[in-house]
Protein backbone atom coordinates (compact mmCIF):
# COMPACT_ATOMS: atom_id res chain seq x y z
CA MET A 1 -6.26 -11.68 2.59
CA SER A 2 -7.86 -8.76 4.36
CA ARG A 3 -7.89 -5.64 2.21
CA GLN A 4 -7.51 -3.16 5.04
CA LEU A 5 -7.56 0.32 3.62
CA MET A 6 -8.96 2.22 6.58
CA ILE A 7 -5.82 4.02 7.71
CA TYR A 8 -7.85 7.23 7.40
CA GLU A 9 -9.77 7.61 10.66
CA ARG A 10 -11.24 11.10 10.16
CA ALA A 11 -10.58 12.59 6.72
CA VAL A 12 -11.95 16.13 6.43
CA PRO A 13 -11.58 18.79 3.70
CA ILE A 14 -8.60 21.09 4.20
CA SER A 15 -9.57 24.72 4.69
CA SER A 16 -7.65 27.86 5.62
CA GLU A 17 -10.31 28.69 8.20
CA ARG A 18 -10.16 25.37 10.05
CA HIS A 19 -6.48 24.52 9.56
CA LYS A 20 -4.78 27.92 9.33
CA ASP A 21 -2.59 27.29 12.40
CA TRP A 22 -1.91 23.61 11.70
CA SER A 23 1.48 22.09 10.94
CA VAL A 24 2.42 18.50 10.14
CA ARG A 25 5.45 16.38 10.91
CA THR A 26 6.00 13.60 8.39
CA GLY A 27 8.96 11.42 7.54
CA GLY A 28 10.03 8.01 8.73
CA ASP A 29 7.20 7.06 11.08
CA PHE A 30 4.86 4.52 9.47
CA GLY A 31 3.17 3.43 12.66
CA PHE A 32 -0.17 4.36 11.09
CA ALA A 33 0.27 1.40 8.70
CA ARG A 34 1.18 -1.16 11.34
CA GLU A 35 -2.14 -3.02 11.07
CA VAL A 36 -2.56 -3.24 7.29
CA ASN A 37 -1.36 -6.41 5.59
CA SER A 38 -1.91 -5.03 2.08
CA VAL A 39 -2.38 -1.66 0.38
CA PRO A 40 -3.38 -0.58 -3.14
CA LEU A 41 -0.66 -0.25 -5.76
CA LEU A 42 -0.72 1.89 -8.91
CA ALA A 43 0.22 0.34 -12.23
CA ALA A 44 3.05 2.88 -12.53
CA GLU A 45 4.58 1.37 -9.38
CA PHE A 46 4.68 -2.26 -10.53
CA ILE A 47 8.32 -2.41 -11.62
CA ALA A 48 9.65 -0.61 -8.55
CA ALA A 49 7.47 -2.58 -6.12
CA ALA A 50 8.18 -5.98 -7.70
CA THR A 51 11.77 -5.83 -6.46
CA ASP A 52 10.59 -6.25 -2.86
CA HIS A 53 6.93 -7.21 -2.80
CA ALA A 54 4.40 -9.63 -4.22
CA ILE A 55 1.75 -7.90 -6.32
CA VAL A 56 -1.76 -9.37 -6.37
CA PHE A 57 -5.29 -8.13 -7.11
CA ALA A 58 -7.80 -7.51 -4.32
CA GLY A 59 -11.52 -6.94 -4.59
CA ASP A 60 -14.53 -8.96 -5.66
CA GLU A 61 -16.16 -10.34 -8.81
CA ASN A 62 -17.09 -6.85 -9.99
CA THR A 63 -14.11 -4.66 -9.13
CA VAL A 64 -10.45 -5.42 -8.48
CA PHE A 65 -7.36 -3.30 -7.92
CA PRO A 66 -3.67 -4.17 -7.57
CA SER A 67 -2.31 -4.56 -4.05
CA VAL A 68 1.02 -5.35 -2.45
CA ILE A 69 1.19 -7.97 0.28
CA LEU A 70 2.84 -6.55 3.39
CA GLY A 71 2.20 -9.29 5.94
CA MET A 72 1.33 -12.95 6.37
CA HIS A 73 -1.57 -12.38 8.74
CA ASP A 74 -4.58 -10.07 9.01
CA ASN A 75 -3.96 -6.90 11.03
CA ALA A 76 -0.19 -7.28 10.71
CA ASN A 77 2.23 -5.35 8.52
CA GLY A 78 5.61 -7.05 8.69
CA ASN A 79 7.38 -4.06 7.16
CA VAL A 80 6.92 -1.65 10.08
CA ALA A 81 9.45 -1.92 12.91
CA ALA A 82 8.65 -1.32 16.57
CA ASP A 83 9.88 2.27 16.29
CA GLY A 84 7.65 2.93 13.27
CA SER A 85 10.44 2.82 10.69
CA TRP A 86 9.88 1.10 7.34
CA THR A 87 11.90 -2.07 6.75
CA GLY A 88 10.36 -3.41 3.57
CA GLY A 89 12.18 -1.72 0.70
CA TYR A 90 9.81 0.02 -1.69
CA ILE A 91 7.14 2.18 0.00
CA PRO A 92 3.82 2.25 -1.92
CA ALA A 93 2.51 5.68 -2.93
CA PHE A 94 -0.70 4.92 -1.03
CA LEU A 95 1.31 5.16 2.20
CA ARG A 96 3.53 8.04 1.06
CA ARG A 97 0.40 10.05 0.32
CA TYR A 98 -0.93 9.72 3.87
CA PRO A 99 -2.31 11.70 5.72
CA PHE A 100 -3.68 13.43 2.58
CA VAL A 101 -6.30 12.03 0.22
CA PHE A 102 -8.78 13.20 -2.41
CA SER A 103 -12.51 12.78 -1.86
CA ARG A 104 -14.78 12.57 -4.89
CA SER A 105 -18.14 14.28 -5.23
CA GLU A 106 -21.21 12.14 -5.88
CA ASP A 107 -21.21 13.03 -9.58
CA GLY A 108 -17.51 12.12 -9.81
CA LYS A 109 -16.57 15.48 -11.32
CA THR A 110 -15.11 17.28 -8.33
CA PHE A 111 -12.22 16.27 -6.08
CA THR A 112 -11.45 17.84 -2.72
CA LEU A 113 -8.15 17.51 -0.89
CA CYS A 114 -8.72 16.10 2.58
CA MET A 115 -6.50 15.09 5.48
CA ASP A 116 -6.80 12.67 8.36
CA GLU A 117 -7.02 14.91 11.42
CA GLU A 118 -6.25 11.91 13.65
CA PHE A 119 -2.71 11.60 12.24
CA ASP A 120 -0.24 11.96 15.11
CA GLY A 121 1.97 14.30 13.11
CA PHE A 122 -0.56 17.15 13.05
CA ASN A 123 -0.05 19.89 15.60
CA LYS A 124 -0.63 23.60 16.31
CA ASP A 125 2.82 24.15 17.76
CA GLY A 126 4.55 24.95 14.48
CA LYS A 127 6.43 21.63 14.41
CA GLY A 128 7.16 20.39 10.89
CA GLU A 129 5.59 21.90 7.78
CA ARG A 130 2.85 24.54 8.00
CA LEU A 131 -0.24 24.06 5.84
CA PHE A 132 -1.07 27.77 5.44
CA ASP A 133 0.94 30.96 5.80
CA ALA A 134 0.01 33.98 7.94
CA ASP A 135 -2.26 35.29 5.16
CA GLY A 136 -4.19 32.04 4.88
CA ASN A 137 -2.57 30.99 1.59
CA ARG A 138 -1.43 27.43 0.93
CA THR A 139 2.25 26.93 1.68
CA GLN A 140 4.63 25.39 -0.84
CA TYR A 141 4.47 22.16 1.14
CA LEU A 142 0.68 21.94 0.91
CA GLU A 143 0.84 22.81 -2.79
CA SER A 144 3.28 19.95 -3.32
CA MET A 145 0.96 17.53 -1.52
CA LEU A 146 -1.94 18.75 -3.64
CA THR A 147 0.11 18.04 -6.78
CA PHE A 148 1.05 14.61 -5.47
CA ALA A 149 -2.59 13.78 -4.74
CA ARG A 150 -3.64 14.94 -8.22
CA GLU A 151 -0.99 12.79 -9.88
CA TYR A 152 -1.99 9.85 -7.72
CA GLN A 153 -5.63 10.21 -8.73
CA ALA A 154 -4.75 10.34 -12.43
CA LEU A 155 -2.62 7.20 -12.13
CA PHE A 156 -5.40 5.55 -10.12
CA GLU A 157 -7.81 6.03 -13.02
CA ARG A 158 -5.29 4.57 -15.48
CA THR A 159 -4.74 1.58 -13.22
CA GLN A 160 -8.48 0.98 -13.08
CA ILE A 161 -8.55 0.83 -16.89
CA PHE A 162 -5.88 -1.88 -16.76
CA CYS A 163 -7.91 -3.83 -14.19
CA ASN A 164 -11.03 -3.54 -16.31
CA ARG A 165 -9.07 -5.05 -19.19
CA LEU A 166 -8.15 -8.04 -17.04
CA LYS A 167 -11.79 -8.52 -16.08
CA GLU A 168 -12.94 -8.09 -19.66
CA HIS A 169 -10.74 -10.97 -20.82
CA ASP A 170 -11.42 -13.14 -17.75
CA LEU A 171 -7.74 -13.35 -16.85
CA LEU A 172 -8.03 -13.40 -13.05
CA ASP A 173 -8.30 -16.48 -10.83
CA ALA A 174 -8.77 -16.67 -7.08
CA GLY A 175 -5.42 -17.33 -5.43
CA GLN A 176 -4.01 -18.74 -2.23
CA ALA A 177 -0.43 -18.80 -1.04
CA GLN A 178 1.11 -21.30 1.35
CA PHE A 179 4.46 -20.49 2.93
CA ASN A 180 6.97 -22.95 4.31
CA LEU A 181 8.60 -21.25 7.30
CA PRO A 182 12.13 -21.73 8.65
CA ASP A 183 10.85 -23.44 11.80
CA GLY A 184 9.17 -26.14 9.73
CA GLY A 185 5.71 -24.67 10.08
CA SER A 186 3.54 -23.15 7.38
CA SER A 187 1.25 -20.18 6.83
CA GLN A 188 -1.55 -19.52 4.35
CA LEU A 189 -2.81 -16.34 2.77
CA GLY A 190 -5.91 -16.09 0.60
CA GLY A 191 -8.61 -13.70 -0.56
CA PHE A 192 -6.79 -12.31 -3.58
CA TYR A 193 -6.63 -12.83 -7.35
CA THR A 194 -3.75 -13.55 -9.71
CA ILE A 195 -3.47 -13.55 -13.50
CA ASN A 196 -3.84 -16.93 -15.17
CA ARG A 197 -0.72 -17.26 -17.31
CA ALA A 198 -2.29 -19.83 -19.65
CA LYS A 199 -5.32 -17.62 -20.32
CA LEU A 200 -3.03 -14.67 -20.96
CA LYS A 201 -0.98 -16.58 -23.53
CA ALA A 202 -4.16 -17.82 -25.22
CA LEU A 203 -5.50 -14.35 -25.99
CA PRO A 204 -5.92 -13.48 -29.70
CA PRO A 205 -2.79 -11.94 -31.29
CA GLU A 206 -4.54 -8.64 -31.88
CA THR A 207 -5.49 -8.39 -28.19
CA LEU A 208 -1.95 -9.19 -27.08
CA ALA A 209 -0.62 -6.60 -29.50
CA GLN A 210 -2.98 -3.98 -28.13
CA MET A 211 -1.99 -4.78 -24.54
CA ALA A 212 1.67 -4.65 -25.50
CA SER A 213 1.23 -1.21 -27.05
CA THR A 214 -0.22 0.15 -23.79
CA ASP A 215 2.38 -1.65 -21.59
CA GLU A 216 -0.43 -3.67 -20.02
CA LEU A 217 1.17 -6.92 -21.17
CA GLU A 218 4.39 -5.98 -19.37
CA LEU A 219 2.40 -5.25 -16.22
CA CYS A 220 0.89 -8.74 -16.37
CA TYR A 221 4.29 -10.43 -16.44
CA VAL A 222 5.77 -8.13 -13.79
CA HIS A 223 2.87 -9.19 -11.54
CA LEU A 224 3.48 -12.87 -12.24
CA GLN A 225 7.20 -12.54 -11.61
CA SER A 226 6.59 -10.68 -8.35
CA LEU A 227 4.77 -13.68 -6.89
CA ASN A 228 8.21 -15.25 -6.42
CA ASN A 229 8.67 -12.76 -3.57
CA LEU A 230 6.05 -14.47 -1.40
CA THR A 231 8.25 -17.19 0.12
CA PRO A 232 11.29 -14.92 0.75
CA MET A 233 8.93 -12.40 2.37
CA ALA A 234 7.45 -15.03 4.65
CA ARG A 235 10.91 -16.24 5.69
CA ARG A 236 12.14 -12.70 6.31
CA LEU A 237 9.12 -11.79 8.42
CA ALA A 238 9.30 -15.05 10.37
CA ALA A 239 13.00 -14.52 11.05
CA GLY A 240 12.35 -10.95 12.15
CA ALA A 241 9.63 -12.05 14.55
CA ALA A 242 11.86 -14.73 16.04
CA ALA A 243 14.90 -12.49 16.53
CA PRO A 244 13.68 -10.51 19.59
CA GLU A 245 12.63 -13.71 21.32
CA THR A 246 15.99 -15.35 20.62
CA GLU A 247 17.86 -12.29 21.88
CA ALA A 248 15.81 -12.19 25.07
CA LYS A 249 16.39 -15.87 25.77
CA GLY A 250 20.11 -15.44 25.19
CA LYS A 251 20.60 -12.87 27.98
CA PRO A 252 21.72 -14.69 31.18
CA GLY A 253 20.03 -13.84 34.41
CA LYS A 254 17.13 -12.00 32.75
CA LYS A 255 13.64 -13.03 31.87
CA ALA A 256 11.75 -11.76 28.88
CA LYS A 257 8.92 -9.46 29.84
CA ALA A 258 5.56 -9.53 28.12
CA ASP A 259 4.27 -6.26 26.69
CA ALA A 260 1.72 -4.53 28.87
């Protein structure tokens, strides 16, 4: 599974001097996420996300972080429609935060709010929400995004503690999913980690008690339960991909046209 996080093409620090006349239109257009098949997920999002998505862990032998699977293939998010609308139920905070993001200083002590200047919603025509007022002060909208980014960062750090606990107790195994599709074919997805249920149950009672007290044990089982969403997701995405073709074939006297 490709962990494609590079939806930020040109993230630069926000400043009243550079962005005083900038506005941003946000809302229902998630076209920027069309080519990501997974995105990071905060621990605080597990329960909400598990209703619609499969939660796995992406990374390497040294560092992992929770992710939600959004597509069956690399460079393909099956939850973004042709018009950019979101069709996949729960929307991860990683995507709701865009086009804003915090950058960390080299010593890790300072965070700066940045934005992706390549986001299509930015403009100097006053369309949407302004970033700064006429006096160069942050608008209420920008203040709200700053608060959101701060909260996200705090929850990110807490999620990393949870992941470190999983690594500490050697609870993660490399995983691979195989989907049986409605047309009789199959699809495979790999490159992620899942919690080993047997190893989890075999932990010492005092460790399980500690993880229960911090809600980490609940997170483990929410993750395991969410894996049941993989097959329904694959069938839904396969059916959605087949629908336009079926509709085109069903129109008499017309031929389907290939995209330019």
